C-alpha atoms as a PDB file:
ATOM      1  CA  UNK A   1     133.524 110.337 109.765  1.00  0.00           C
ATOM      2  CA  UNK A   2     131.187 107.415 109.253  1.00  0.00           C
ATOM      3  CA  UNK A   3     131.085 104.802 111.991  1.00  0.00           C
ATOM      4  CA  UNK A   4     130.477 101.104 112.539  1.00  0.00           C
ATOM      5  CA  UNK A   5     128.992  99.791 115.764  1.00  0.00           C
ATOM      6  CA  UNK A   6     128.457  96.402 117.364  1.00  0.00           C
ATOM      7  CA  UNK A   7     125.532  95.734 119.707  1.00  0.00           C
ATOM      8  CA  UNK A   8     126.593  93.928 122.867  1.00  0.00           C
ATOM      9  CA  UNK A   9     123.095  92.622 123.651  1.00  0.00           C
ATOM     10  CA  UNK A  10     122.392  91.394 120.118  1.00  0.00           C
ATOM     11  CA  UNK A  11     125.797  89.723 119.919  1.00  0.00           C
ATOM     12  CA  UNK A  12     125.068  87.849 123.148  1.00  0.00           C
ATOM     13  CA  UNK A  13     121.623  86.896 121.847  1.00  0.00           C
ATOM     14  CA  UNK A  14     123.096  85.305 118.715  1.00  0.00           C
ATOM     15  CA  UNK A  15     125.897  83.665 120.689  1.00  0.00           C
ATOM     16  CA  UNK A  16     123.463  82.012 123.077  1.00  0.00           C
ATOM     17  CA  UNK A  17     121.270  80.896 120.169  1.00  0.00           C
ATOM     18  CA  UNK A  18     124.231  79.183 118.497  1.00  0.00           C
ATOM     19  CA  UNK A  19     125.569  77.788 121.758  1.00  0.00           C
ATOM     20  CA  UNK A  20     122.248  76.074 122.454  1.00  0.00           C
ATOM     21  CA  UNK A  21     121.896  74.853 118.864  1.00  0.00           C
ATOM     22  CA  UNK A  22     125.375  73.374 118.644  1.00  0.00           C
ATOM     23  CA  UNK A  23     125.454  71.912 122.148  1.00  0.00           C
ATOM     24  CA  UNK A  24     122.161  70.131 121.488  1.00  0.00           C
ATOM     25  CA  UNK A  25     123.796  68.533 118.444  1.00  0.00           C
ATOM     26  CA  UNK A  26     127.007  67.583 120.324  1.00  0.00           C
ATOM     27  CA  UNK A  27     129.106  69.940 118.231  1.00  0.00           C
ATOM     28  CA  UNK A  28     131.975  72.004 119.610  1.00  0.00           C
ATOM     29  CA  UNK A  29     132.619  75.330 117.947  1.00  0.00           C
ATOM     30  CA  UNK A  30     134.933  78.272 117.790  1.00  0.00           C
ATOM     31  CA  UNK A  31     134.183  81.846 116.810  1.00  0.00           C
ATOM     32  CA  UNK A  32     135.869  83.127 113.667  1.00  0.00           C
ATOM     33  CA  UNK A  33     136.903  86.615 114.764  1.00  0.00           C
ATOM     34  CA  UNK A  34     138.775  87.762 111.647  1.00  0.00           C
ATOM     35  CA  UNK A  35     135.913  90.138 110.792  1.00  0.00           C
ATOM     36  CA  UNK A  36     136.964  92.325 113.734  1.00  0.00           C
ATOM     37  CA  UNK A  37     140.478  92.856 112.325  1.00  0.00           C
ATOM     38  CA  UNK A  38     142.162  92.463 115.714  1.00  0.00           C
ATOM     39  CA  UNK A  39     140.310  95.369 117.339  1.00  0.00           C
ATOM     40  CA  UNK A  40     140.778  94.793 121.070  1.00  0.00           C
ATOM     41  CA  UNK A  41     137.557  96.608 121.994  1.00  0.00           C
ATOM     42  CA  UNK A  42     135.502  94.075 120.050  1.00  0.00           C
ATOM     43  CA  UNK A  43     137.681  91.054 120.832  1.00  0.00           C
ATOM     44  CA  UNK A  44     137.140  91.715 124.531  1.00  0.00           C
ATOM     45  CA  UNK A  45     133.384  91.522 123.966  1.00  0.00           C
ATOM     46  CA  UNK A  46     133.786  88.067 122.425  1.00  0.00           C
ATOM     47  CA  UNK A  47     135.968  86.934 125.306  1.00  0.00           C
ATOM     48  CA  UNK A  48     133.441  88.266 127.820  1.00  0.00           C
ATOM     49  CA  UNK A  49     130.854  85.933 126.278  1.00  0.00           C
ATOM     50  CA  UNK A  50     132.872  83.079 127.762  1.00  0.00           C
ATOM     51  CA  UNK A  51     134.231  81.710 124.497  1.00  0.00           C
ATOM     52  CA  UNK A  52     136.915  79.056 124.750  1.00  0.00           C
ATOM     53  CA  UNK A  53     138.200  79.198 121.184  1.00  0.00           C
ATOM     54  CA  UNK A  54     138.815  82.008 118.682  1.00  0.00           C
ATOM     55  CA  UNK A  55     139.840  81.622 115.040  1.00  0.00           C
ATOM     56  CA  UNK A  56     141.631  84.154 112.870  1.00  0.00           C
ATOM     57  CA  UNK A  57     143.615  84.334 109.648  1.00  0.00           C
ATOM     58  CA  UNK A  58     146.105  86.953 110.890  1.00  0.00           C
ATOM     59  CA  UNK A  59     148.758  86.048 113.440  1.00  0.00           C
ATOM     60  CA  UNK A  60     148.866  89.639 114.695  1.00  0.00           C
ATOM     61  CA  UNK A  61     145.195  89.296 115.650  1.00  0.00           C
ATOM     62  CA  UNK A  62     145.873  86.039 117.503  1.00  0.00           C
ATOM     63  CA  UNK A  63     148.598  87.892 119.402  1.00  0.00           C
ATOM     64  CA  UNK A  64     146.002  90.441 120.551  1.00  0.00           C
ATOM     65  CA  UNK A  65     143.727  87.619 121.691  1.00  0.00           C
ATOM     66  CA  UNK A  66     146.512  86.025 123.738  1.00  0.00           C
ATOM     67  CA  UNK A  67     147.290  89.377 125.327  1.00  0.00           C
ATOM     68  CA  UNK A  68     143.649  89.744 126.367  1.00  0.00           C
ATOM     69  CA  UNK A  69     142.975  86.122 127.334  1.00  0.00           C
ATOM     70  CA  UNK A  70     145.956  83.739 127.485  1.00  0.00           C
ATOM     71  CA  UNK A  71     143.724  80.737 128.209  1.00  0.00           C
ATOM     72  CA  UNK A  72     141.538  81.093 125.112  1.00  0.00           C
ATOM     73  CA  UNK A  73     142.538  78.542 122.470  1.00  0.00           C
ATOM     74  CA  UNK A  74     143.685  80.349 119.322  1.00  0.00           C
ATOM     75  CA  UNK A  75     143.322  78.788 115.884  1.00  0.00           C
ATOM     76  CA  UNK A  76     145.059  79.973 112.711  1.00  0.00           C
ATOM     77  CA  UNK A  77     142.659  79.186 109.900  1.00  0.00           C
ATOM     78  CA  UNK A  78     144.724  79.022 106.735  1.00  0.00           C
ATOM     79  CA  UNK A  79     147.930  77.206 105.737  1.00  0.00           C
ATOM     80  CA  UNK A  80     150.756  79.119 107.465  1.00  0.00           C
ATOM     81  CA  UNK A  81     153.419  81.011 105.501  1.00  0.00           C
ATOM     82  CA  UNK A  82     156.851  79.662 106.364  1.00  0.00           C
ATOM     83  CA  UNK A  83     158.234  83.108 107.170  1.00  0.00           C
ATOM     84  CA  UNK A  84     155.756  83.328 110.070  1.00  0.00           C
ATOM     85  CA  UNK A  85     156.349  79.957 111.724  1.00  0.00           C
ATOM     86  CA  UNK A  86     158.004  81.390 114.840  1.00  0.00           C
ATOM     87  CA  UNK A  87     155.109  83.747 115.553  1.00  0.00           C
ATOM     88  CA  UNK A  88     152.583  81.081 114.615  1.00  0.00           C
ATOM     89  CA  UNK A  89     153.875  78.660 117.233  1.00  0.00           C
ATOM     90  CA  UNK A  90     154.035  81.439 119.815  1.00  0.00           C
ATOM     91  CA  UNK A  91     150.508  82.801 119.352  1.00  0.00           C
ATOM     92  CA  UNK A  92     148.454  80.013 117.734  1.00  0.00           C
ATOM     93  CA  UNK A  93     147.609  76.888 119.687  1.00  0.00           C
ATOM     94  CA  UNK A  94     146.192  75.225 116.569  1.00  0.00           C
ATOM     95  CA  UNK A  95     146.739  75.741 112.843  1.00  0.00           C
ATOM     96  CA  UNK A  96     145.226  74.473 109.588  1.00  0.00           C
ATOM     97  CA  UNK A  97     147.775  72.659 107.449  1.00  0.00           C
ATOM     98  CA  UNK A  98     148.141  70.995 104.061  1.00  0.00           C
ATOM     99  CA  UNK A  99     151.910  70.917 103.465  1.00  0.00           C
ATOM    100  CA  UNK A 100     154.311  68.387 104.968  1.00  0.00           C
ATOM    101  CA  UNK A 101     157.418  70.572 104.896  1.00  0.00           C
ATOM    102  CA  UNK A 102     155.559  73.403 106.617  1.00  0.00           C
ATOM    103  CA  UNK A 103     154.508  70.988 109.357  1.00  0.00           C
ATOM    104  CA  UNK A 104     158.138  69.897 109.700  1.00  0.00           C
ATOM    105  CA  UNK A 105     159.119  73.506 110.321  1.00  0.00           C
ATOM    106  CA  UNK A 106     156.276  73.954 112.806  1.00  0.00           C
ATOM    107  CA  UNK A 107     157.419  70.825 114.640  1.00  0.00           C
ATOM    108  CA  UNK A 108     161.015  72.043 114.837  1.00  0.00           C
ATOM    109  CA  UNK A 109     159.941  75.480 116.061  1.00  0.00           C
ATOM    110  CA  UNK A 110     157.610  73.942 118.644  1.00  0.00           C
ATOM    111  CA  UNK A 111     160.518  71.876 119.977  1.00  0.00           C
ATOM    112  CA  UNK A 112     162.680  74.999 120.095  1.00  0.00           C
ATOM    113  CA  UNK A 113     160.003  76.950 122.009  1.00  0.00           C
ATOM    114  CA  UNK A 114     159.147  74.041 124.280  1.00  0.00           C
ATOM    115  CA  UNK A 115     155.526  74.086 123.154  1.00  0.00           C
ATOM    116  CA  UNK A 116     153.061  71.477 121.961  1.00  0.00           C
ATOM    117  CA  UNK A 117     151.370  72.640 118.757  1.00  0.00           C
ATOM    118  CA  UNK A 118     148.137  71.181 117.432  1.00  0.00           C
ATOM    119  CA  UNK A 119     147.227  70.868 113.775  1.00  0.00           C
ATOM    120  CA  UNK A 120     144.112  70.215 111.727  1.00  0.00           C
ATOM    121  CA  UNK A 121     144.736  68.623 108.343  1.00  0.00           C
ATOM    122  CA  UNK A 122     142.510  70.303 105.781  1.00  0.00           C
ATOM    123  CA  UNK A 123     141.042  67.966 103.178  1.00  0.00           C
ATOM    124  CA  UNK A 124     140.055  68.945  99.630  1.00  0.00           C
ATOM    125  CA  UNK A 125     136.320  68.335  99.255  1.00  0.00           C
ATOM    126  CA  UNK A 126     135.613  70.054  95.961  1.00  0.00           C
ATOM    127  CA  UNK A 127     135.867  73.839  96.422  1.00  0.00           C
ATOM    128  CA  UNK A 128     139.499  73.776  95.266  1.00  0.00           C
ATOM    129  CA  UNK A 129     140.941  76.094  97.853  1.00  0.00           C
ATOM    130  CA  UNK A 130     143.222  74.593 100.529  1.00  0.00           C
ATOM    131  CA  UNK A 131     143.182  70.869 101.197  1.00  0.00           C
ATOM    132  CA  UNK A 132     145.071  67.590 100.832  1.00  0.00           C
ATOM    133  CA  UNK A 133     143.541  65.436  98.100  1.00  0.00           C
ATOM    134  CA  UNK A 134     141.614  62.497  99.521  1.00  0.00           C
ATOM    135  CA  UNK A 135     143.710  59.891  97.695  1.00  0.00           C
ATOM    136  CA  UNK A 136     146.861  61.341  99.295  1.00  0.00           C
ATOM    137  CA  UNK A 137     145.491  61.760 102.811  1.00  0.00           C
ATOM    138  CA  UNK A 138     146.615  58.458 104.362  1.00  0.00           C
ATOM    139  CA  UNK A 139     150.157  58.886 103.032  1.00  0.00           C
ATOM    140  CA  UNK A 140     150.205  62.491 104.236  1.00  0.00           C
ATOM    141  CA  UNK A 141     149.049  61.556 107.735  1.00  0.00           C
ATOM    142  CA  UNK A 142     151.629  58.770 107.922  1.00  0.00           C
ATOM    143  CA  UNK A 143     154.395  61.312 107.323  1.00  0.00           C
ATOM    144  CA  UNK A 144     153.233  63.878 109.866  1.00  0.00           C
ATOM    145  CA  UNK A 145     151.707  62.111 112.863  1.00  0.00           C
ATOM    146  CA  UNK A 146     155.070  61.174 114.384  1.00  0.00           C
ATOM    147  CA  UNK A 147     156.570  64.671 114.177  1.00  0.00           C
ATOM    148  CA  UNK A 148     157.677  65.786 117.668  1.00  0.00           C
ATOM    149  CA  UNK A 149     155.735  68.414 119.611  1.00  0.00           C
ATOM    150  CA  UNK A 150     152.951  68.210 117.035  1.00  0.00           C
ATOM    151  CA  UNK A 151     149.525  66.678 117.598  1.00  0.00           C
ATOM    152  CA  UNK A 152     147.074  66.087 114.769  1.00  0.00           C
ATOM    153  CA  UNK A 153     143.761  66.856 116.443  1.00  0.00           C
ATOM    154  CA  UNK A 154     141.439  66.943 113.479  1.00  0.00           C
ATOM    155  CA  UNK A 155     140.494  66.715 109.852  1.00  0.00           C
ATOM    156  CA  UNK A 156     138.704  69.695 108.390  1.00  0.00           C
ATOM    157  CA  UNK A 157     137.343  71.171 105.216  1.00  0.00           C
ATOM    158  CA  UNK A 158     136.472  74.567 103.779  1.00  0.00           C
ATOM    159  CA  UNK A 159     133.519  74.804 101.421  1.00  0.00           C
ATOM    160  CA  UNK A 160     131.805  77.769  99.756  1.00  0.00           C
ATOM    161  CA  UNK A 161     134.970  79.857 100.164  1.00  0.00           C
ATOM    162  CA  UNK A 162     136.177  80.038  96.559  1.00  0.00           C
ATOM    163  CA  UNK A 163     133.876  78.528  93.935  1.00  0.00           C
ATOM    164  CA  UNK A 164     130.756  78.428  96.079  1.00  0.00           C
ATOM    165  CA  UNK A 165     130.634  74.633  96.441  1.00  0.00           C
ATOM    166  CA  UNK A 166     128.124  74.012  99.225  1.00  0.00           C
ATOM    167  CA  UNK A 167     128.489  71.503 102.056  1.00  0.00           C
ATOM    168  CA  UNK A 168     126.252  68.459 101.890  1.00  0.00           C
ATOM    169  CA  UNK A 169     125.484  65.340 103.894  1.00  0.00           C
ATOM    170  CA  UNK A 170     127.433  63.229 101.400  1.00  0.00           C
ATOM    171  CA  UNK A 171     130.552  65.402 101.564  1.00  0.00           C
ATOM    172  CA  UNK A 172     130.538  65.388 105.365  1.00  0.00           C
ATOM    173  CA  UNK A 173     130.031  61.607 105.455  1.00  0.00           C
ATOM    174  CA  UNK A 174     133.047  61.301 103.163  1.00  0.00           C
ATOM    175  CA  UNK A 175     135.108  63.480 105.508  1.00  0.00           C
ATOM    176  CA  UNK A 176     134.032  61.338 108.463  1.00  0.00           C
ATOM    177  CA  UNK A 177     135.051  58.181 106.591  1.00  0.00           C
ATOM    178  CA  UNK A 178     138.560  59.579 106.102  1.00  0.00           C
ATOM    179  CA  UNK A 179     138.800  59.907 109.881  1.00  0.00           C
ATOM    180  CA  UNK A 180     137.689  56.312 110.398  1.00  0.00           C
ATOM    181  CA  UNK A 181     140.198  55.020 107.841  1.00  0.00           C
ATOM    182  CA  UNK A 182     143.083  56.857 109.502  1.00  0.00           C
ATOM    183  CA  UNK A 183     142.089  55.776 113.015  1.00  0.00           C
ATOM    184  CA  UNK A 184     141.882  52.116 111.957  1.00  0.00           C
ATOM    185  CA  UNK A 185     145.093  52.228 109.928  1.00  0.00           C
ATOM    186  CA  UNK A 186     147.262  53.946 112.536  1.00  0.00           C
ATOM    187  CA  UNK A 187     145.444  53.135 115.787  1.00  0.00           C
ATOM    188  CA  UNK A 188     145.356  56.857 116.587  1.00  0.00           C
ATOM    189  CA  UNK A 189     142.336  58.817 117.735  1.00  0.00           C
ATOM    190  CA  UNK A 190     141.490  62.063 115.960  1.00  0.00           C
ATOM    191  CA  UNK A 191     139.495  64.439 118.148  1.00  0.00           C
ATOM    192  CA  UNK A 192     137.692  66.594 115.597  1.00  0.00           C
ATOM    193  CA  UNK A 193     135.970  66.444 112.291  1.00  0.00           C
ATOM    194  CA  UNK A 194     135.708  70.177 111.605  1.00  0.00           C
ATOM    195  CA  UNK A 195     132.895  70.214 109.097  1.00  0.00           C
ATOM    196  CA  UNK A 196     133.081  73.772 107.889  1.00  0.00           C
ATOM    197  CA  UNK A 197     132.041  77.288 108.750  1.00  0.00           C
ATOM    198  CA  UNK A 198     128.763  79.190 109.023  1.00  0.00           C
ATOM    199  CA  UNK A 199     127.661  77.736 105.694  1.00  0.00           C
ATOM    200  CA  UNK A 200     127.296  74.300 107.310  1.00  0.00           C
ATOM    201  CA  UNK A 201     124.812  75.420 109.974  1.00  0.00           C
ATOM    202  CA  UNK A 202     121.667  75.166 107.783  1.00  0.00           C
ATOM    203  CA  UNK A 203     122.324  71.431 107.474  1.00  0.00           C
ATOM    204  CA  UNK A 204     121.646  71.154 111.214  1.00  0.00           C
ATOM    205  CA  UNK A 205     118.072  72.300 110.703  1.00  0.00           C
ATOM    206  CA  UNK A 206     117.626  69.601 108.058  1.00  0.00           C
ATOM    207  CA  UNK A 207     119.260  66.910 110.240  1.00  0.00           C
ATOM    208  CA  UNK A 208     121.848  66.401 107.488  1.00  0.00           C
ATOM    209  CA  UNK A 209     125.064  66.604 109.507  1.00  0.00           C
ATOM    210  CA  UNK A 210     126.425  63.108 110.196  1.00  0.00           C
ATOM    211  CA  UNK A 211     127.228  62.171 113.780  1.00  0.00           C
ATOM    212  CA  UNK A 212     130.962  62.116 113.082  1.00  0.00           C
ATOM    213  CA  UNK A 213     131.107  65.873 112.499  1.00  0.00           C
ATOM    214  CA  UNK A 214     131.748  67.372 115.934  1.00  0.00           C
ATOM    215  CA  UNK A 215     133.286  70.793 115.296  1.00  0.00           C
ATOM    216  CA  UNK A 216     132.431  73.970 113.347  1.00  0.00           C
ATOM    217  CA  UNK A 217     133.968  77.424 112.888  1.00  0.00           C
ATOM    218  CA  UNK A 218     131.332  80.157 112.983  1.00  0.00           C
ATOM    219  CA  UNK A 219     131.668  83.844 112.197  1.00  0.00           C
ATOM    220  CA  UNK A 220     129.171  85.174 109.674  1.00  0.00           C
ATOM    221  CA  UNK A 221     126.122  83.539 111.239  1.00  0.00           C
ATOM    222  CA  UNK A 222     127.096  84.830 114.688  1.00  0.00           C
ATOM    223  CA  UNK A 223     127.446  88.427 113.520  1.00  0.00           C
ATOM    224  CA  UNK A 224     124.670  88.516 110.895  1.00  0.00           C
ATOM    225  CA  UNK A 225     122.267  85.699 111.791  1.00  0.00           C
ATOM    226  CA  UNK A 226     122.625  84.518 108.215  1.00  0.00           C
ATOM    227  CA  UNK A 227     121.418  81.292 106.639  1.00  0.00           C
ATOM    228  CA  UNK A 228     123.987  81.043 103.858  1.00  0.00           C
ATOM    229  CA  UNK A 229     121.872  78.580 101.877  1.00  0.00           C
ATOM    230  CA  UNK A 230     118.843  80.858 101.589  1.00  0.00           C
ATOM    231  CA  UNK A 231     120.411  84.280 102.083  1.00  0.00           C
ATOM    232  CA  UNK A 232     117.797  85.004 104.739  1.00  0.00           C
ATOM    233  CA  UNK A 233     118.030  85.543 108.485  1.00  0.00           C
ATOM    234  CA  UNK A 234     117.722  82.431 110.647  1.00  0.00           C
ATOM    235  CA  UNK A 235     114.508  82.516 112.659  1.00  0.00           C
ATOM    236  CA  UNK A 236     115.326  83.590 116.203  1.00  0.00           C
ATOM    237  CA  UNK A 237     118.588  85.353 115.301  1.00  0.00           C
ATOM    238  CA  UNK A 238     119.441  89.049 114.881  1.00  0.00           C
ATOM    239  CA  UNK A 239     120.686  90.444 111.570  1.00  0.00           C
ATOM    240  CA  UNK A 240     121.673  93.858 112.930  1.00  0.00           C
ATOM    241  CA  UNK A 241     124.379  93.024 115.463  1.00  0.00           C
ATOM    242  CA  UNK A 242     126.627  95.246 113.350  1.00  0.00           C
ATOM    243  CA  UNK A 243     125.452  98.429 111.657  1.00  0.00           C
ATOM    244  CA  UNK A 244     127.088 101.438 110.091  1.00  0.00           C
ATOM    245  CA  UNK A 245     125.863 104.992 109.848  1.00  0.00           C
ATOM    246  CA  UNK A 246     127.007 107.920 107.752  1.00  0.00           C
ATOM    247  CA  UNK A 247     126.229 111.627 107.956  1.00  0.00           C
ATOM    248  CA  UNK A 248     124.336 113.593 105.321  1.00  0.00           C
ATOM    249  CA  UNK A 249     126.711 116.292 104.057  1.00  0.00           C
ATOM    250  CA  UNK A 250     124.478 117.653 101.270  1.00  0.00           C
ATOM    251  CA  UNK A 251     120.758 117.312 100.556  1.00  0.00           C
ATOM    252  CA  UNK A 252     119.140 118.907  97.512  1.00  0.00           C
ATOM    253  CA  UNK A 253     116.322 118.251  95.080  1.00  0.00           C
ATOM    254  CA  UNK A 254     117.939 117.452  91.739  1.00  0.00           C
ATOM    255  CA  UNK A 255     116.958 116.047  88.328  1.00  0.00           C
ATOM    256  CA  UNK A 256     116.928 112.268  87.954  1.00  0.00           C
ATOM    257  CA  UNK A 257     118.755 112.498  84.610  1.00  0.00           C
ATOM    258  CA  UNK A 258     122.374 113.733  84.337  1.00  0.00           C
ATOM    259  CA  UNK A 259     123.061 116.527  81.846  1.00  0.00           C
ATOM    260  CA  UNK A 260     125.837 116.323  79.268  1.00  0.00           C
ATOM    261  CA  UNK A 261     127.779 113.725  77.284  1.00  0.00           C
ATOM    262  CA  UNK A 262     128.139 110.551  79.366  1.00  0.00           C
ATOM    263  CA  UNK A 263     131.030 108.080  79.346  1.00  0.00           C
ATOM    264  CA  UNK A 264     132.433 105.646  81.893  1.00  0.00           C
ATOM    265  CA  UNK A 265     132.838 107.019  85.402  1.00  0.00           C
ATOM    266  CA  UNK A 266     136.072 106.418  87.381  1.00  0.00           C
ATOM    267  CA  UNK A 267     134.726 103.014  88.490  1.00  0.00           C
ATOM    268  CA  UNK A 268     134.282 101.914  84.881  1.00  0.00           C
ATOM    269  CA  UNK A 269     130.485 102.084  85.038  1.00  0.00           C
ATOM    270  CA  UNK A 270     128.264 103.421  82.273  1.00  0.00           C
ATOM    271  CA  UNK A 271     124.811 104.522  83.368  1.00  0.00           C
ATOM    272  CA  UNK A 272     121.737 103.961  81.218  1.00  0.00           C
ATOM    273  CA  UNK A 273     119.086 106.672  81.193  1.00  0.00           C
ATOM    274  CA  UNK A 274     115.425 105.706  81.465  1.00  0.00           C
ATOM    275  CA  UNK A 275     113.275 107.789  79.153  1.00  0.00           C
ATOM    276  CA  UNK A 276     110.519 108.030  81.756  1.00  0.00           C
ATOM    277  CA  UNK A 277     112.911 109.847  84.131  1.00  0.00           C
ATOM    278  CA  UNK A 278     113.280 112.952  81.938  1.00  0.00           C
ATOM    279  CA  UNK A 279     111.814 115.994  83.642  1.00  0.00           C
ATOM    280  CA  UNK A 280     111.545 114.302  87.042  1.00  0.00           C
ATOM    281  CA  UNK A 281     113.366 115.234  90.237  1.00  0.00           C
ATOM    282  CA  UNK A 282     114.089 113.651  93.600  1.00  0.00           C
ATOM    283  CA  UNK A 283     115.848 114.589  96.805  1.00  0.00           C
ATOM    284  CA  UNK A 284     119.418 113.300  96.847  1.00  0.00           C
ATOM    285  CA  UNK A 285     121.528 112.971  99.974  1.00  0.00           C
ATOM    286  CA  UNK A 286     125.311 112.830  99.865  1.00  0.00           C
ATOM    287  CA  UNK A 287     126.868 110.809 102.700  1.00  0.00           C
ATOM    288  CA  UNK A 288     130.406 110.932 104.078  1.00  0.00           C
ATOM    289  CA  UNK A 289     131.284 107.363 103.109  1.00  0.00           C
ATOM    290  CA  UNK A 290     132.429 106.027  99.751  1.00  0.00           C
ATOM    291  CA  UNK A 291     134.110 103.336  97.712  1.00  0.00           C
ATOM    292  CA  UNK A 292     137.320 103.763  99.676  1.00  0.00           C
ATOM    293  CA  UNK A 293     135.384 102.381 102.641  1.00  0.00           C
ATOM    294  CA  UNK A 294     132.834  99.975 101.190  1.00  0.00           C
ATOM    295  CA  UNK A 295     131.227  98.668  98.007  1.00  0.00           C
ATOM    296  CA  UNK A 296     127.606  99.919  97.915  1.00  0.00           C
ATOM    297  CA  UNK A 297     126.316  96.404  97.188  1.00  0.00           C
ATOM    298  CA  UNK A 298     127.290  95.485 100.763  1.00  0.00           C
ATOM    299  CA  UNK A 299     125.070  98.217 102.281  1.00  0.00           C
ATOM    300  CA  UNK A 300     121.393  97.665 103.170  1.00  0.00           C
ATOM    301  CA  UNK A 301     119.542 100.872 104.185  1.00  0.00           C
ATOM    302  CA  UNK A 302     117.491 100.348 107.338  1.00  0.00           C
ATOM    303  CA  UNK A 303     114.944 102.775 105.900  1.00  0.00           C
ATOM    304  CA  UNK A 304     113.505 100.620 103.126  1.00  0.00           C
ATOM    305  CA  UNK A 305     112.273 103.664 101.211  1.00  0.00           C
ATOM    306  CA  UNK A 306     115.829 104.760 100.433  1.00  0.00           C
ATOM    307  CA  UNK A 307     117.735 103.748  97.317  1.00  0.00           C
ATOM    308  CA  UNK A 308     121.469 103.854  96.718  1.00  0.00           C
ATOM    309  CA  UNK A 309     121.950 105.932  93.563  1.00  0.00           C
ATOM    310  CA  UNK A 310     125.708 105.507  93.262  1.00  0.00           C
ATOM    311  CA  UNK A 311     129.065 106.174  94.864  1.00  0.00           C
ATOM    312  CA  UNK A 312     132.439 107.747  94.252  1.00  0.00           C
ATOM    313  CA  UNK A 313     135.635 107.319  96.227  1.00  0.00           C
ATOM    314  CA  UNK A 314     134.485 109.290  99.280  1.00  0.00           C
ATOM    315  CA  UNK A 315     130.769 109.960  98.761  1.00  0.00           C
ATOM    316  CA  UNK A 316     127.679 107.748  98.707  1.00  0.00           C
ATOM    317  CA  UNK A 317     124.580 109.160  96.986  1.00  0.00           C
ATOM    318  CA  UNK A 318     121.150 108.201  98.319  1.00  0.00           C
ATOM    319  CA  UNK A 319     117.878 108.802  96.475  1.00  0.00           C
ATOM    320  CA  UNK A 320     115.354 109.944  99.098  1.00  0.00           C
ATOM    321  CA  UNK A 321     112.458 110.245  96.659  1.00  0.00           C
ATOM    322  CA  UNK A 322     110.171 112.964  97.998  1.00  0.00           C
ATOM    323  CA  UNK A 323     111.991 112.841 101.356  1.00  0.00           C
ATOM    324  CA  UNK A 324     108.857 111.978 103.377  1.00  0.00           C
ATOM    325  CA  UNK A 325     110.857 111.628 106.605  1.00  0.00           C
ATOM    326  CA  UNK A 326     112.310 115.120 106.211  1.00  0.00           C
ATOM    327  CA  UNK A 327     115.977 114.139 106.384  1.00  0.00           C
ATOM    328  CA  UNK A 328     118.320 117.117 106.574  1.00  0.00           C
ATOM    329  CA  UNK A 329     122.038 117.870 106.461  1.00  0.00           C
ATOM    330  CA  UNK A 330     123.677 116.603 109.651  1.00  0.00           C
ATOM    331  CA  UNK A 331     121.317 113.638 110.050  1.00  0.00           C
ATOM    332  CA  UNK A 332     122.697 110.102 109.974  1.00  0.00           C
ATOM    333  CA  UNK A 333     121.456 107.288 107.757  1.00  0.00           C
ATOM    334  CA  UNK A 334     121.872 103.764 109.109  1.00  0.00           C
ATOM    335  CA  UNK A 335     122.671 100.610 107.170  1.00  0.00           C
ATOM    336  CA  UNK A 336     122.766  96.926 107.867  1.00  0.00           C
ATOM    337  CA  UNK A 337     125.801  95.250 106.349  1.00  0.00           C
ATOM    338  CA  UNK A 338     126.834  92.207 104.416  1.00  0.00           C
ATOM    339  CA  UNK A 339     129.872  90.313 105.692  1.00  0.00           C
ATOM    340  CA  UNK A 340     132.449  91.572 103.190  1.00  0.00           C
ATOM    341  CA  UNK A 341     131.277  95.140 103.671  1.00  0.00           C
ATOM    342  CA  UNK A 342     131.688  94.938 107.435  1.00  0.00           C
ATOM    343  CA  UNK A 343     135.140  93.427 106.955  1.00  0.00           C
ATOM    344  CA  UNK A 344     136.270  96.438 104.945  1.00  0.00           C
ATOM    345  CA  UNK A 345     134.842  98.921 107.444  1.00  0.00           C
ATOM    346  CA  UNK A 346     136.459  97.229 110.445  1.00  0.00           C
ATOM    347  CA  UNK A 347     139.766  97.312 108.576  1.00  0.00           C
ATOM    348  CA  UNK A 348     139.502 101.005 107.691  1.00  0.00           C
ATOM    349  CA  UNK A 349     141.325 103.705 109.626  1.00  0.00           C
ATOM    350  CA  UNK A 350     138.738 106.194 108.362  1.00  0.00           C
ATOM    351  CA  UNK A 351     135.772 104.630 110.171  1.00  0.00           C
ATOM    352  CA  UNK A 352     134.926 105.203 113.862  1.00  0.00           C
ATOM    353  CA  UNK A 353     134.383 101.958 115.805  1.00  0.00           C
ATOM    354  CA  UNK A 354     131.920 101.813 118.703  1.00  0.00           C
ATOM    355  CA  UNK A 355     130.262  99.344 121.068  1.00  0.00           C
ATOM    356  CA  UNK A 356     126.575  99.746 121.859  1.00  0.00           C
ATOM    357  CA  UNK A 357     124.457  98.050 124.542  1.00  0.00           C
END
C-alpha cells in the first residue's frame, strides 16, 4: 500500500511561522483541519501545538476534536444542513450561516440543549458561493441578532473557493464597512471580521489587509507553506510537511511509443505520439497508487528527474529516463502534494497514514 505521512517538526515550524506573522498583525486565527478527514492521530498533533480553534466542514470530524480536546473551540465552516442541527449544536461552538430559518432552528436547538451557540454571518463578496448579499445584510442581521441562545460573533467571507475571485484590499474594506454599519445601526459589537482563508495571507506581506480584519481561517498555507497568489512557497515556510510515497512494483526498459491502434483510454484521454520518440526507450516504473487514490496532477516527484507518464485506476507510471539513480522493484518514490491530492489520500481507506518526527 502507498502511504501518506505528516512531519511533526515541519508542521510545528509552519505553525510558529504563522503564529508570529498573524500575532504581529493583531489577527486571530483558527486552523482549518478538514484536510485531515477527522483522523485522530493527526488531529492530536494539531491540538498538541496549543491551538485554541479548529475549523472543519464535517460535523463528525468536529465530534472527534471535542472527544480529544473539549476546550478547543470548534467551528463549522459551511452553511449547516437542517437535518444535522442537533449534532451541530452539540459539537460545533461556532457555525457559518446565511439562512434565517436555519438560524431559527439552531436557536431553538441551542435552547433545548441549554447551550449558547455562536454564528458568523457569511457575506457574498463576489465569488458566488455562500453569502448574504450586501444589500440584504442589515435586514438579515436585524432578524437574527435577537434569537435566543445565539450570538452573532462575526461577519465573514469566502473568496477563491468557487470561481477563483481573489481577496483584495477593497473587498476587505467593504466587509469592514458592513461591520461598522451594523454596529452603529444596532448598537451591538461584532467581535470578528473573518477575512478569508489561506488565500488572504499574501495580502499581509503587501500591507493590504485593513485594520478591521482581525480573524482568518488557515489550512493550506499551514500544511503546504503556499502563497496562493503566486503558487510558490512562502519564504521561511516548509512545503513538504505532508508527503506520500509509493512502492515500485515493476521496473523495465520499454519503448516510448505504444504499439497498436490507439483510441481513448478508460479516463477518456487520447495520447499524441511524437515522431521523434520512435525507436527510443526509457525505464518505466509502475507504482502501487492510481487514480482511485489521487489525480496525477496533484503529485510532485521529489526527484526532479522523474516524469509522470500516466495512470490507471490502481497504477501510476513513472518515466525514469535512463534510471541514473538505479531505482529497483521494492524501492519507494516520494512525492510532494497539492492540497486536493492530499485531501483525497487522507480520505482513502487504501492509504497508510503515518506521523514522522
